[in-house]
């Protein structure tokens, strides 16, 4: 089993996830720097009773993350969240497929 030793910046992010779970956090980093892996590892610090949403850019990423994230975390695409918000606001919604 690999052991993961976070960098000082990653440790700061994990401390925030553990100590202030009700606040939002944004992580800015370049592509391929390990943001997703770090966030998935950090999810163990979020209590299962805490309402948490992980947003992804496409359905393939959501499908992958659903197998890696705790079941208490919701994972959706930005589009799915937008559609859910619109449906909650105006009710039934019809979408034209091209």
Protein backbone atom coordinates (compact mmCIF):
# COMPACT_ATOMS: atom_id res chain seq x y z
CA UNK A 1 0.00 0.00 0.00
CA UNK A 2 1.35 3.42 -0.95
CA UNK A 3 1.61 6.02 1.75
CA UNK A 4 0.82 9.56 0.77
CA UNK A 5 2.77 12.40 2.33
CA UNK A 6 1.15 15.73 1.50
CA UNK A 7 3.21 18.79 0.64
CA UNK A 8 2.97 21.76 3.03
CA UNK A 9 0.37 23.40 0.73
CA UNK A 10 -1.64 20.18 0.52
CA UNK A 11 -1.46 19.84 4.31
CA UNK A 12 -2.94 23.34 4.62
CA UNK A 13 -5.82 22.37 2.33
CA UNK A 14 -6.44 19.16 4.31
CA UNK A 15 -6.42 21.15 7.57
CA UNK A 16 -9.05 23.48 6.12
CA UNK A 17 -11.18 20.54 4.97
CA UNK A 18 -10.94 19.00 8.45
CA UNK A 19 -11.33 22.08 10.64
CA UNK A 20 -13.78 24.23 8.67
CA UNK A 21 -15.96 21.82 6.68
CA UNK A 22 -18.79 24.32 6.19
CA UNK A 23 -16.68 26.83 4.26
CA UNK A 24 -16.04 26.64 0.54
CA UNK A 25 -12.54 26.15 -0.74
CA UNK A 26 -11.05 26.71 -4.19
CA UNK A 27 -7.84 25.06 -5.37
CA UNK A 28 -5.95 26.63 -8.26
CA UNK A 29 -3.26 24.52 -9.91
CA UNK A 30 -2.02 23.52 -13.35
CA UNK A 31 -3.30 20.51 -15.29
CA UNK A 32 -1.83 17.20 -14.14
CA UNK A 33 -0.72 18.53 -10.76
CA UNK A 34 -2.85 16.06 -8.80
CA UNK A 35 -5.81 18.23 -7.80
CA UNK A 36 -8.38 15.46 -8.18
CA UNK A 37 -6.29 12.87 -6.33
CA UNK A 38 -5.61 15.34 -3.53
CA UNK A 39 -9.30 16.22 -3.19
CA UNK A 40 -10.35 12.56 -3.23
CA UNK A 41 -7.80 11.83 -0.47
CA UNK A 42 -9.01 14.88 1.47
CA UNK A 43 -12.63 13.74 1.40
CA UNK A 44 -11.88 11.42 4.32
CA UNK A 45 -11.76 14.57 6.48
CA UNK A 46 -15.32 15.58 5.61
CA UNK A 47 -17.88 14.17 8.06
CA UNK A 48 -20.45 11.95 6.30
CA UNK A 49 -23.23 14.12 7.74
CA UNK A 50 -21.84 17.22 6.00
CA UNK A 51 -23.59 18.11 2.75
CA UNK A 52 -20.84 18.11 0.12
CA UNK A 53 -20.89 18.47 -3.67
CA UNK A 54 -18.01 17.57 -6.00
CA UNK A 55 -18.41 19.19 -9.43
CA UNK A 56 -16.79 17.76 -12.56
CA UNK A 57 -16.69 18.88 -16.18
CA UNK A 58 -18.04 15.74 -17.84
CA UNK A 59 -19.99 12.55 -17.15
CA UNK A 60 -16.96 10.28 -17.61
CA UNK A 61 -15.18 12.06 -14.75
CA UNK A 62 -18.32 11.84 -12.58
CA UNK A 63 -18.55 8.09 -13.27
CA UNK A 64 -14.90 7.60 -12.26
CA UNK A 65 -15.21 9.76 -9.15
CA UNK A 66 -18.36 8.01 -7.95
CA UNK A 67 -16.23 4.88 -7.47
CA UNK A 68 -13.50 6.81 -5.63
CA UNK A 69 -15.51 9.16 -3.40
CA UNK A 70 -17.33 8.25 -0.19
CA UNK A 71 -21.01 7.50 -0.87
CA UNK A 72 -22.02 10.46 1.33
CA UNK A 73 -20.59 12.93 -1.23
CA UNK A 74 -22.64 14.01 -4.23
CA UNK A 75 -20.82 14.18 -7.56
CA UNK A 76 -22.36 15.91 -10.59
CA UNK A 77 -21.44 17.73 -13.74
CA UNK A 78 -21.84 21.49 -13.84
CA UNK A 79 -24.59 20.90 -16.41
CA UNK A 80 -26.46 18.47 -14.14
CA UNK A 81 -26.33 20.95 -11.25
CA UNK A 82 -27.64 23.72 -13.52
CA UNK A 83 -30.47 21.53 -14.82
CA UNK A 84 -31.39 20.49 -11.27
CA UNK A 85 -31.47 24.13 -10.17
CA UNK A 86 -33.67 25.14 -13.12
CA UNK A 87 -36.07 22.23 -12.52
CA UNK A 88 -36.35 23.13 -8.83
CA UNK A 89 -37.07 26.72 -9.77
CA UNK A 90 -39.57 26.33 -12.61
CA UNK A 91 -40.71 22.71 -12.39
CA UNK A 92 -40.95 20.42 -15.39
CA UNK A 93 -38.43 21.17 -18.08
CA UNK A 94 -38.40 19.93 -21.64
CA UNK A 95 -35.06 19.64 -23.43
CA UNK A 96 -34.76 19.53 -27.21
CA UNK A 97 -32.21 16.98 -28.37
CA UNK A 98 -30.49 17.77 -31.66
